[in-house]
Amino acid sequence: MRGRLLAICGGLVGSDEAEDIVQETYLRARHNLRTLRESAALEGWVTRIAVNLCYSHHARGGTLRRLLPALLPAQAYQGGDLGLRDMLERLPPRERTVTVLHYGHGYAFDEIARLLSISPENARKIASRTRRKLAAEWRRSG
């Protein structure tokens, strides 16, 4: 579970802060373990704590320093062009989170919906809207 949490947090807040957030996630999970209703839900519950801590990081003024290379198509690296990375960094936290979880880590929309307390339809709309936004900005940037 630790490796997956590091990858998710790294994609949301950058690899420098991911380790600290995962450590804080474990501390909070241990402290609040009595609130977990079903032990089968442990992994999703801990992931949700991690995602919420990433949101808090952004709310405190933190910035996304790096996104996982897996999120970027190979052509984004040709010639040192990191335009797509810059566009992803400028996304609002919710759009960035849905994008990272779905395209970077293969989460289904119903899983994302549970993690973010939104409907699966809303998660799909966010992903679709973000895809269109990124495509339009990519075309404008040449």
N, C-alpha and C. Protein backbone atom coordinates (compact mmCIF):
# COMPACT_ATOMS: atom_id res chain seq x y z
N MET A 1 0.83 -1.19 0.00
CA MET A 1 0.00 0.00 0.00
C MET A 1 0.87 1.26 0.00
N ARG A 2 2.01 1.20 0.68
CA ARG A 2 2.87 2.37 0.78
C ARG A 2 3.33 2.87 -0.59
N GLY A 3 3.75 1.96 -1.45
CA GLY A 3 4.21 2.35 -2.77
C GLY A 3 3.12 3.04 -3.58
N ARG A 4 1.90 2.51 -3.48
CA ARG A 4 0.78 3.12 -4.20
C ARG A 4 0.47 4.50 -3.64
N LEU A 5 0.50 4.65 -2.31
CA LEU A 5 0.25 5.96 -1.71
C LEU A 5 1.33 6.96 -2.09
N LEU A 6 2.58 6.52 -2.12
CA LEU A 6 3.66 7.42 -2.53
C LEU A 6 3.47 7.87 -3.98
N ALA A 7 3.05 6.95 -4.84
CA ALA A 7 2.83 7.31 -6.25
C ALA A 7 1.67 8.30 -6.38
N ILE A 8 0.58 8.06 -5.68
CA ILE A 8 -0.58 8.96 -5.76
C ILE A 8 -0.22 10.33 -5.21
N CYS A 9 0.36 10.36 -4.03
CA CYS A 9 0.72 11.65 -3.42
C CYS A 9 1.79 12.37 -4.23
N GLY A 10 2.73 11.59 -4.78
CA GLY A 10 3.75 12.20 -5.63
C GLY A 10 3.14 12.87 -6.85
N GLY A 11 2.10 12.27 -7.40
CA GLY A 11 1.42 12.86 -8.55
C GLY A 11 0.59 14.08 -8.18
N LEU A 12 0.18 14.17 -6.94
CA LEU A 12 -0.68 15.29 -6.52
C LEU A 12 0.09 16.46 -5.94
N VAL A 13 1.18 16.17 -5.22
CA VAL A 13 1.90 17.27 -4.56
C VAL A 13 3.38 17.29 -4.89
N GLY A 14 3.85 16.34 -5.66
CA GLY A 14 5.27 16.28 -5.98
C GLY A 14 5.98 15.29 -5.08
N SER A 15 7.05 14.73 -5.59
CA SER A 15 7.74 13.67 -4.86
C SER A 15 8.41 14.16 -3.58
N ASP A 16 8.79 15.45 -3.53
CA ASP A 16 9.45 15.97 -2.33
C ASP A 16 8.53 15.92 -1.11
N GLU A 17 7.27 16.21 -1.29
CA GLU A 17 6.32 16.25 -0.17
C GLU A 17 5.59 14.92 0.03
N ALA A 18 5.64 14.03 -0.93
CA ALA A 18 4.87 12.79 -0.87
C ALA A 18 5.22 11.96 0.36
N GLU A 19 6.49 11.82 0.65
CA GLU A 19 6.91 11.01 1.80
C GLU A 19 6.32 11.54 3.10
N ASP A 20 6.36 12.86 3.28
CA ASP A 20 5.80 13.46 4.49
C ASP A 20 4.29 13.23 4.58
N ILE A 21 3.61 13.37 3.46
CA ILE A 21 2.15 13.20 3.46
C ILE A 21 1.78 11.74 3.73
N VAL A 22 2.51 10.80 3.17
CA VAL A 22 2.23 9.40 3.43
C VAL A 22 2.47 9.08 4.91
N GLN A 23 3.53 9.62 5.47
CA GLN A 23 3.80 9.40 6.89
C GLN A 23 2.67 9.98 7.75
N GLU A 24 2.22 11.19 7.41
CA GLU A 24 1.10 11.81 8.13
C GLU A 24 -0.18 10.99 7.94
N THR A 25 -0.34 10.42 6.76
CA THR A 25 -1.51 9.56 6.50
C THR A 25 -1.54 8.39 7.46
N TYR A 26 -0.42 7.72 7.60
CA TYR A 26 -0.35 6.58 8.51
C TYR A 26 -0.61 6.99 9.96
N LEU A 27 -0.07 8.14 10.36
CA LEU A 27 -0.30 8.61 11.72
C LEU A 27 -1.78 8.90 11.96
N ARG A 28 -2.41 9.56 11.01
CA ARG A 28 -3.84 9.86 11.15
C ARG A 28 -4.70 8.60 11.12
N ALA A 29 -4.33 7.69 10.24
CA ALA A 29 -5.09 6.44 10.15
C ALA A 29 -4.99 5.67 11.47
N ARG A 30 -3.79 5.61 12.02
CA ARG A 30 -3.62 4.91 13.30
C ARG A 30 -4.42 5.58 14.41
N HIS A 31 -4.38 6.89 14.44
CA HIS A 31 -5.11 7.63 15.46
C HIS A 31 -6.62 7.45 15.35
N ASN A 32 -7.12 7.35 14.11
CA ASN A 32 -8.57 7.27 13.88
C ASN A 32 -9.05 5.87 13.51
N LEU A 33 -8.24 4.87 13.73
CA LEU A 33 -8.58 3.51 13.32
C LEU A 33 -9.91 3.04 13.90
N ARG A 34 -10.26 3.51 15.06
CA ARG A 34 -11.53 3.09 15.69
C ARG A 34 -12.75 3.57 14.90
N THR A 35 -12.58 4.56 14.01
CA THR A 35 -13.71 5.06 13.22
C THR A 35 -13.94 4.23 11.95
N LEU A 36 -13.00 3.33 11.63
CA LEU A 36 -13.15 2.48 10.46
C LEU A 36 -14.22 1.43 10.74
N ARG A 37 -15.26 1.41 9.94
CA ARG A 37 -16.40 0.51 10.18
C ARG A 37 -16.14 -0.90 9.69
N GLU A 38 -15.50 -1.05 8.54
CA GLU A 38 -15.25 -2.37 7.97
C GLU A 38 -13.78 -2.51 7.63
N SER A 39 -13.17 -3.55 8.13
CA SER A 39 -11.73 -3.75 7.88
C SER A 39 -11.44 -3.96 6.40
N ALA A 40 -12.41 -4.45 5.63
CA ALA A 40 -12.21 -4.65 4.19
C ALA A 40 -12.04 -3.33 3.45
N ALA A 41 -12.48 -2.24 4.07
CA ALA A 41 -12.40 -0.92 3.45
C ALA A 41 -11.13 -0.16 3.82
N LEU A 42 -10.20 -0.83 4.50
CA LEU A 42 -9.00 -0.16 5.01
C LEU A 42 -8.21 0.55 3.92
N GLU A 43 -7.94 -0.11 2.82
CA GLU A 43 -7.11 0.49 1.77
C GLU A 43 -7.74 1.75 1.20
N GLY A 44 -9.03 1.70 0.89
CA GLY A 44 -9.72 2.88 0.37
C GLY A 44 -9.79 4.00 1.40
N TRP A 45 -9.98 3.64 2.66
CA TRP A 45 -10.05 4.62 3.75
C TRP A 45 -8.72 5.34 3.90
N VAL A 46 -7.62 4.58 3.88
CA VAL A 46 -6.29 5.19 4.00
C VAL A 46 -5.99 6.05 2.78
N THR A 47 -6.37 5.58 1.60
CA THR A 47 -6.15 6.38 0.38
C THR A 47 -6.92 7.69 0.46
N ARG A 48 -8.12 7.63 0.96
CA ARG A 48 -8.91 8.86 1.10
C ARG A 48 -8.23 9.84 2.06
N ILE A 49 -7.69 9.36 3.15
CA ILE A 49 -6.96 10.22 4.07
C ILE A 49 -5.79 10.89 3.34
N ALA A 50 -5.06 10.11 2.55
CA ALA A 50 -3.92 10.66 1.81
C ALA A 50 -4.35 11.73 0.81
N VAL A 51 -5.42 11.47 0.06
CA VAL A 51 -5.91 12.45 -0.91
C VAL A 51 -6.36 13.72 -0.19
N ASN A 52 -7.05 13.58 0.93
CA ASN A 52 -7.47 14.76 1.69
C ASN A 52 -6.28 15.55 2.20
N LEU A 53 -5.23 14.87 2.63
CA LEU A 53 -4.02 15.58 3.06
C LEU A 53 -3.36 16.31 1.89
N CYS A 54 -3.43 15.72 0.70
CA CYS A 54 -2.89 16.41 -0.48
C CYS A 54 -3.70 17.68 -0.76
N TYR A 55 -5.04 17.60 -0.63
CA TYR A 55 -5.87 18.79 -0.78
C TYR A 55 -5.48 19.85 0.24
N SER A 56 -5.28 19.43 1.47
CA SER A 56 -4.89 20.37 2.53
C SER A 56 -3.56 21.02 2.20
N HIS A 57 -2.66 20.25 1.64
CA HIS A 57 -1.35 20.78 1.23
C HIS A 57 -1.54 21.93 0.23
N HIS A 58 -2.42 21.72 -0.74
CA HIS A 58 -2.68 22.77 -1.73
C HIS A 58 -3.38 23.96 -1.09
N ALA A 59 -4.28 23.69 -0.17
CA ALA A 59 -5.00 24.79 0.49
C ALA A 59 -4.06 25.65 1.33
N ARG A 60 -3.00 25.06 1.85
CA ARG A 60 -2.02 25.82 2.63
C ARG A 60 -1.05 26.57 1.75
N GLY A 61 -1.25 26.54 0.45
CA GLY A 61 -0.39 27.29 -0.45
C GLY A 61 0.70 26.45 -1.08
N GLY A 62 0.67 25.15 -0.87
CA GLY A 62 1.66 24.28 -1.50
C GLY A 62 1.44 24.25 -3.01
N THR A 63 2.48 23.96 -3.75
CA THR A 63 2.36 23.88 -5.20
C THR A 63 2.78 22.50 -5.68
N LEU A 64 2.26 22.12 -6.80
CA LEU A 64 2.63 20.86 -7.42
C LEU A 64 3.98 21.07 -8.10
N ARG A 65 5.00 20.40 -7.61
CA ARG A 65 6.34 20.61 -8.17
C ARG A 65 6.62 19.70 -9.35
N ARG A 66 6.14 18.48 -9.23
CA ARG A 66 6.37 17.52 -10.31
C ARG A 66 5.17 16.60 -10.45
N LEU A 67 4.89 16.18 -11.65
CA LEU A 67 3.88 15.14 -11.88
C LEU A 67 4.60 13.89 -12.33
N LEU A 68 3.97 12.78 -12.12
CA LEU A 68 4.57 11.53 -12.54
C LEU A 68 4.79 11.52 -14.05
N PRO A 69 5.98 11.11 -14.50
CA PRO A 69 6.23 11.03 -15.94
C PRO A 69 5.20 10.18 -16.67
N ALA A 70 4.60 9.21 -15.98
CA ALA A 70 3.62 8.34 -16.61
C ALA A 70 2.38 9.10 -17.06
N LEU A 71 2.16 10.28 -16.49
CA LEU A 71 0.99 11.06 -16.87
C LEU A 71 1.18 11.77 -18.20
N LEU A 72 2.42 11.94 -18.61
CA LEU A 72 2.70 12.71 -19.80
C LEU A 72 3.00 11.80 -20.98
N PRO A 73 2.44 12.12 -22.15
CA PRO A 73 2.78 11.33 -23.32
C PRO A 73 4.25 11.53 -23.68
N ALA A 74 4.82 10.56 -24.38
CA ALA A 74 6.24 10.61 -24.71
C ALA A 74 6.60 11.89 -25.47
N GLN A 75 5.71 12.38 -26.35
CA GLN A 75 6.04 13.57 -27.14
C GLN A 75 6.21 14.81 -26.27
N ALA A 76 5.70 14.78 -25.05
CA ALA A 76 5.86 15.94 -24.17
C ALA A 76 7.31 16.11 -23.76
N TYR A 77 8.10 15.04 -23.83
CA TYR A 77 9.50 15.12 -23.44
C TYR A 77 10.43 15.38 -24.61
N GLN A 78 9.95 15.21 -25.83
CA GLN A 78 10.81 15.41 -26.98
C GLN A 78 11.23 16.85 -27.06
N GLY A 79 12.52 17.07 -27.19
CA GLY A 79 13.04 18.43 -27.29
C GLY A 79 12.92 19.20 -25.99
N GLY A 80 12.71 18.52 -24.90
CA GLY A 80 12.62 19.21 -23.61
C GLY A 80 11.33 19.98 -23.41
N ASP A 81 10.32 19.74 -24.23
CA ASP A 81 9.05 20.45 -24.11
C ASP A 81 8.25 19.90 -22.95
N LEU A 82 8.11 20.68 -21.92
CA LEU A 82 7.34 20.26 -20.76
C LEU A 82 6.05 21.05 -20.66
N GLY A 83 5.51 21.50 -21.80
CA GLY A 83 4.30 22.30 -21.80
C GLY A 83 3.11 21.61 -21.15
N LEU A 84 2.94 20.32 -21.42
CA LEU A 84 1.81 19.60 -20.84
C LEU A 84 1.97 19.52 -19.32
N ARG A 85 3.18 19.30 -18.86
CA ARG A 85 3.44 19.27 -17.42
C ARG A 85 3.04 20.61 -16.79
N ASP A 86 3.41 21.70 -17.42
CA ASP A 86 3.04 23.02 -16.90
C ASP A 86 1.53 23.19 -16.85
N MET A 87 0.85 22.73 -17.90
CA MET A 87 -0.61 22.84 -17.93
C MET A 87 -1.23 22.02 -16.79
N LEU A 88 -0.72 20.83 -16.57
CA LEU A 88 -1.24 19.99 -15.49
C LEU A 88 -1.01 20.64 -14.13
N GLU A 89 0.13 21.28 -13.96
CA GLU A 89 0.44 21.94 -12.69
C GLU A 89 -0.50 23.09 -12.39
N ARG A 90 -1.03 23.70 -13.44
CA ARG A 90 -1.93 24.85 -13.24
C ARG A 90 -3.38 24.45 -13.01
N LEU A 91 -3.69 23.17 -13.13
CA LEU A 91 -5.07 22.72 -12.90
C LEU A 91 -5.45 22.92 -11.43
N PRO A 92 -6.72 23.22 -11.18
CA PRO A 92 -7.19 23.25 -9.79
C PRO A 92 -7.02 21.86 -9.16
N PRO A 93 -6.88 21.81 -7.84
CA PRO A 93 -6.60 20.53 -7.17
C PRO A 93 -7.57 19.40 -7.51
N ARG A 94 -8.86 19.67 -7.59
CA ARG A 94 -9.82 18.59 -7.87
C ARG A 94 -9.61 18.04 -9.27
N GLU A 95 -9.44 18.91 -10.27
CA GLU A 95 -9.21 18.46 -11.64
C GLU A 95 -7.90 17.68 -11.73
N ARG A 96 -6.87 18.18 -11.08
CA ARG A 96 -5.58 17.51 -11.08
C ARG A 96 -5.70 16.13 -10.41
N THR A 97 -6.44 16.06 -9.30
CA THR A 97 -6.59 14.80 -8.58
C THR A 97 -7.30 13.77 -9.44
N VAL A 98 -8.40 14.15 -10.06
CA VAL A 98 -9.14 13.21 -10.92
C VAL A 98 -8.24 12.76 -12.07
N THR A 99 -7.51 13.67 -12.68
CA THR A 99 -6.63 13.35 -13.79
C THR A 99 -5.53 12.38 -13.36
N VAL A 100 -4.88 12.67 -12.25
CA VAL A 100 -3.80 11.81 -11.76
C VAL A 100 -4.32 10.43 -11.39
N LEU A 101 -5.42 10.38 -10.66
CA LEU A 101 -5.96 9.08 -10.23
C LEU A 101 -6.44 8.25 -11.41
N HIS A 102 -7.15 8.88 -12.36
CA HIS A 102 -7.71 8.11 -13.48
C HIS A 102 -6.66 7.76 -14.52
N TYR A 103 -5.98 8.76 -15.05
CA TYR A 103 -5.05 8.50 -16.15
C TYR A 103 -3.68 8.04 -15.66
N GLY A 104 -3.26 8.49 -14.51
CA GLY A 104 -1.95 8.11 -14.01
C GLY A 104 -1.93 6.80 -13.25
N HIS A 105 -3.03 6.48 -12.56
CA HIS A 105 -3.04 5.30 -11.72
C HIS A 105 -4.14 4.30 -12.06
N GLY A 106 -4.94 4.61 -13.06
CA GLY A 106 -5.93 3.65 -13.54
C GLY A 106 -7.14 3.46 -12.65
N TYR A 107 -7.42 4.41 -11.77
CA TYR A 107 -8.61 4.29 -10.93
C TYR A 107 -9.86 4.46 -11.79
N ALA A 108 -10.88 3.67 -11.50
CA ALA A 108 -12.17 3.80 -12.16
C ALA A 108 -12.90 5.02 -11.56
N PHE A 109 -13.84 5.54 -12.31
CA PHE A 109 -14.55 6.73 -11.84
C PHE A 109 -15.35 6.48 -10.56
N ASP A 110 -15.87 5.28 -10.39
CA ASP A 110 -16.60 5.02 -9.14
C ASP A 110 -15.65 4.99 -7.94
N GLU A 111 -14.41 4.53 -8.15
CA GLU A 111 -13.42 4.58 -7.07
C GLU A 111 -13.03 6.01 -6.74
N ILE A 112 -12.82 6.80 -7.77
CA ILE A 112 -12.48 8.22 -7.56
C ILE A 112 -13.62 8.93 -6.84
N ALA A 113 -14.83 8.62 -7.25
CA ALA A 113 -16.00 9.24 -6.63
C ALA A 113 -16.04 8.95 -5.13
N ARG A 114 -15.78 7.72 -4.75
CA ARG A 114 -15.76 7.38 -3.32
C ARG A 114 -14.65 8.11 -2.58
N LEU A 115 -13.49 8.21 -3.19
CA LEU A 115 -12.36 8.88 -2.55
C LEU A 115 -12.61 10.38 -2.34
N LEU A 116 -13.29 11.00 -3.31
CA LEU A 116 -13.47 12.45 -3.28
C LEU A 116 -14.86 12.88 -2.81
N SER A 117 -15.69 11.91 -2.46
CA SER A 117 -17.07 12.20 -2.02
C SER A 117 -17.86 12.97 -3.08
N ILE A 118 -17.76 12.48 -4.31
CA ILE A 118 -18.53 13.03 -5.42
C ILE A 118 -19.20 11.86 -6.13
N SER A 119 -20.09 12.15 -7.05
CA SER A 119 -20.74 11.07 -7.80
C SER A 119 -19.80 10.60 -8.92
N PRO A 120 -19.96 9.35 -9.36
CA PRO A 120 -19.17 8.87 -10.49
C PRO A 120 -19.40 9.71 -11.75
N GLU A 121 -20.63 10.19 -11.93
CA GLU A 121 -20.92 11.04 -13.08
C GLU A 121 -20.14 12.34 -13.00
N ASN A 122 -20.04 12.90 -11.81
CA ASN A 122 -19.27 14.13 -11.63
C ASN A 122 -17.79 13.88 -11.91
N ALA A 123 -17.27 12.75 -11.46
CA ALA A 123 -15.87 12.41 -11.73
C ALA A 123 -15.62 12.31 -13.24
N ARG A 124 -16.58 11.68 -13.96
CA ARG A 124 -16.46 11.57 -15.42
C ARG A 124 -16.49 12.96 -16.07
N LYS A 125 -17.39 13.80 -15.60
CA LYS A 125 -17.50 15.15 -16.17
C LYS A 125 -16.23 15.95 -15.92
N ILE A 126 -15.69 15.83 -14.73
CA ILE A 126 -14.44 16.54 -14.42
C ILE A 126 -13.33 16.07 -15.35
N ALA A 127 -13.21 14.75 -15.54
CA ALA A 127 -12.18 14.21 -16.42
C ALA A 127 -12.38 14.68 -17.85
N SER A 128 -13.61 14.64 -18.32
CA SER A 128 -13.91 15.05 -19.69
C SER A 128 -13.61 16.54 -19.90
N ARG A 129 -14.08 17.35 -18.98
CA ARG A 129 -13.85 18.79 -19.05
C ARG A 129 -12.35 19.11 -19.00
N THR A 130 -11.63 18.41 -18.15
CA THR A 130 -10.19 18.63 -18.02
C THR A 130 -9.46 18.21 -19.29
N ARG A 131 -9.86 17.08 -19.87
CA ARG A 131 -9.26 16.63 -21.14
C ARG A 131 -9.45 17.68 -22.23
N ARG A 132 -10.69 18.19 -22.34
CA ARG A 132 -10.96 19.22 -23.36
C ARG A 132 -10.15 20.49 -23.09
N LYS A 133 -10.08 20.88 -21.83
CA LYS A 133 -9.32 22.07 -21.46
C LYS A 133 -7.84 21.91 -21.81
N LEU A 134 -7.27 20.76 -21.46
CA LEU A 134 -5.86 20.52 -21.75
C LEU A 134 -5.60 20.44 -23.26
N ALA A 135 -6.50 19.80 -23.98
CA ALA A 135 -6.33 19.68 -25.44
C ALA A 135 -6.38 21.06 -26.10
N ALA A 136 -7.33 21.90 -25.68
CA ALA A 136 -7.44 23.24 -26.25
C ALA A 136 -6.20 24.07 -25.94
N GLU A 137 -5.74 23.99 -24.70
CA GLU A 137 -4.54 24.76 -24.32
C GLU A 137 -3.31 24.23 -25.05
N TRP A 138 -3.25 22.92 -25.21
CA TRP A 138 -2.11 22.30 -25.94
C TRP A 138 -2.09 22.80 -27.38
N ARG A 139 -3.27 22.85 -28.03
CA ARG A 139 -3.34 23.34 -29.42
C ARG A 139 -2.95 24.81 -29.50
N ARG A 140 -3.43 25.61 -28.55
CA ARG A 140 -3.08 27.05 -28.55
C ARG A 140 -1.59 27.28 -28.37
N SER A 141 -0.96 26.43 -27.58
CA SER A 141 0.47 26.63 -27.29
C SER A 141 1.36 26.17 -28.44
N GLY A 142 0.76 25.48 -29.42
CA GLY A 142 1.52 25.05 -30.60
C GLY A 142 2.30 23.83 -30.30
